Amino acid sequence: MKQPITGFHKDEKGDWVAELKCGHNQHVRHNPPWQLRPWVVSEEGRKSRLGTQLNCKKCEK
């Protein structure tokens, strides 16, 4: 189920986590070459992704 991103925070390891409208969270790591999300490392990049929809696996269950 698609849910919009409403904010971001870092977890205990320092990885970025997207906060979704449904109340669930999802990691959005930039970990090349496996995950390419260079936008997550800057505040400007994260702000540009607010409202973007991610697939929430917890909502699907």
C-alpha atoms as a PDB file:
ATOM      1  CA  MET A   1       0.000   0.000   0.000  1.00  0.00           C
ATOM      2  CA  LYS A   2       1.442   3.355  -1.036  1.00  0.00           C
ATOM      3  CA  GLN A   3       1.869   5.963   1.712  1.00  0.00           C
ATOM      4  CA  PRO A   4       3.317   9.500   1.435  1.00  0.00           C
ATOM      5  CA  ILE A   5       6.493  10.516   3.274  1.00  0.00           C
ATOM      6  CA  THR A   6       5.744  13.079   5.991  1.00  0.00           C
ATOM      7  CA  GLY A   7       9.206  13.438   7.539  1.00  0.00           C
ATOM      8  CA  PHE A   8      12.579  11.867   8.262  1.00  0.00           C
ATOM      9  CA  HIS A   9      14.694  10.922  11.254  1.00  0.00           C
ATOM     10  CA  LYS A  10      17.888   8.957  11.896  1.00  0.00           C
ATOM     11  CA  ASP A  11      17.871   5.584  13.629  1.00  0.00           C
ATOM     12  CA  GLU A  12      20.292   4.501  16.367  1.00  0.00           C
ATOM     13  CA  LYS A  13      22.900   3.545  13.723  1.00  0.00           C
ATOM     14  CA  GLY A  14      22.657   6.905  11.938  1.00  0.00           C
ATOM     15  CA  ASP A  15      20.686   5.616   8.943  1.00  0.00           C
ATOM     16  CA  TRP A  16      17.866   7.758   7.542  1.00  0.00           C
ATOM     17  CA  VAL A  17      14.293   6.597   8.098  1.00  0.00           C
ATOM     18  CA  ALA A  18      11.242   7.955   6.250  1.00  0.00           C
ATOM     19  CA  GLU A  19       8.185   8.643   8.401  1.00  0.00           C
ATOM     20  CA  LEU A  20       5.020   7.691   6.536  1.00  0.00           C
ATOM     21  CA  LYS A  21       1.520   9.168   6.847  1.00  0.00           C
ATOM     22  CA  CYS A  22       0.189   5.831   8.123  1.00  0.00           C
ATOM     23  CA  GLY A  23       2.496   6.082  11.160  1.00  0.00           C
ATOM     24  CA  HIS A  24       4.951   3.424  10.007  1.00  0.00           C
ATOM     25  CA  ASN A  25       8.615   4.012   9.163  1.00  0.00           C
ATOM     26  CA  GLN A  26      10.851   2.807   6.345  1.00  0.00           C
ATOM     27  CA  HIS A  27      14.632   3.004   5.955  1.00  0.00           C
ATOM     28  CA  VAL A  28      15.817   5.059   2.980  1.00  0.00           C
ATOM     29  CA  ARG A  29      19.546   4.332   2.994  1.00  0.00           C
ATOM     30  CA  HIS A  30      22.054   5.583   0.454  1.00  0.00           C
ATOM     31  CA  ASN A  31      24.358   2.561   0.343  1.00  0.00           C
ATOM     32  CA  PRO A  32      25.976   2.269  -3.099  1.00  0.00           C
ATOM     33  CA  PRO A  33      26.019   0.127  -5.118  1.00  0.00           C
ATOM     34  CA  TRP A  34      23.015  -1.659  -3.569  1.00  0.00           C
ATOM     35  CA  GLN A  35      20.766   1.326  -2.838  1.00  0.00           C
ATOM     36  CA  LEU A  36      21.211   4.587  -4.705  1.00  0.00           C
ATOM     37  CA  ARG A  37      19.449   7.377  -2.864  1.00  0.00           C
ATOM     38  CA  PRO A  38      21.879  10.310  -2.921  1.00  0.00           C
ATOM     39  CA  TRP A  39      19.003  12.695  -2.164  1.00  0.00           C
ATOM     40  CA  VAL A  40      18.755  11.355   1.407  1.00  0.00           C
ATOM     41  CA  VAL A  41      22.153  12.719   2.496  1.00  0.00           C
ATOM     42  CA  SER A  42      21.161  16.403   2.229  1.00  0.00           C
ATOM     43  CA  GLU A  43      18.395  18.314   3.971  1.00  0.00           C
ATOM     44  CA  GLU A  44      17.378  19.812   0.632  1.00  0.00           C
ATOM     45  CA  GLY A  45      17.158  16.350  -0.935  1.00  0.00           C
ATOM     46  CA  ARG A  46      15.009  14.988   1.879  1.00  0.00           C
ATOM     47  CA  LYS A  47      12.674  17.998   1.727  1.00  0.00           C
ATOM     48  CA  SER A  48      12.267  17.435  -2.015  1.00  0.00           C
ATOM     49  CA  ARG A  49      10.921  13.930  -1.307  1.00  0.00           C
ATOM     50  CA  LEU A  50       8.234  14.928   1.202  1.00  0.00           C
ATOM     51  CA  GLY A  51       4.922  13.670  -0.168  1.00  0.00           C
ATOM     52  CA  THR A  52       6.591  11.011  -2.314  1.00  0.00           C
ATOM     53  CA  GLN A  53       4.818   7.706  -1.881  1.00  0.00           C
ATOM     54  CA  LEU A  54       6.593   4.569  -0.702  1.00  0.00           C
ATOM     55  CA  ASN A  55       5.188   1.077  -0.534  1.00  0.00           C
ATOM     56  CA  CYS A  56       4.391   0.332   3.149  1.00  0.00           C
ATOM     57  CA  LYS A  57       4.756  -3.404   3.697  1.00  0.00           C
ATOM     58  CA  LYS A  58       3.309  -3.164   7.224  1.00  0.00           C
ATOM     59  CA  CYS A  59       0.057  -1.671   5.873  1.00  0.00           C
ATOM     60  CA  GLU A  60      -0.207  -4.455   3.309  1.00  0.00           C
ATOM     61  CA  LYS A  61      -0.246  -7.061   6.097  1.00  0.00           C
END
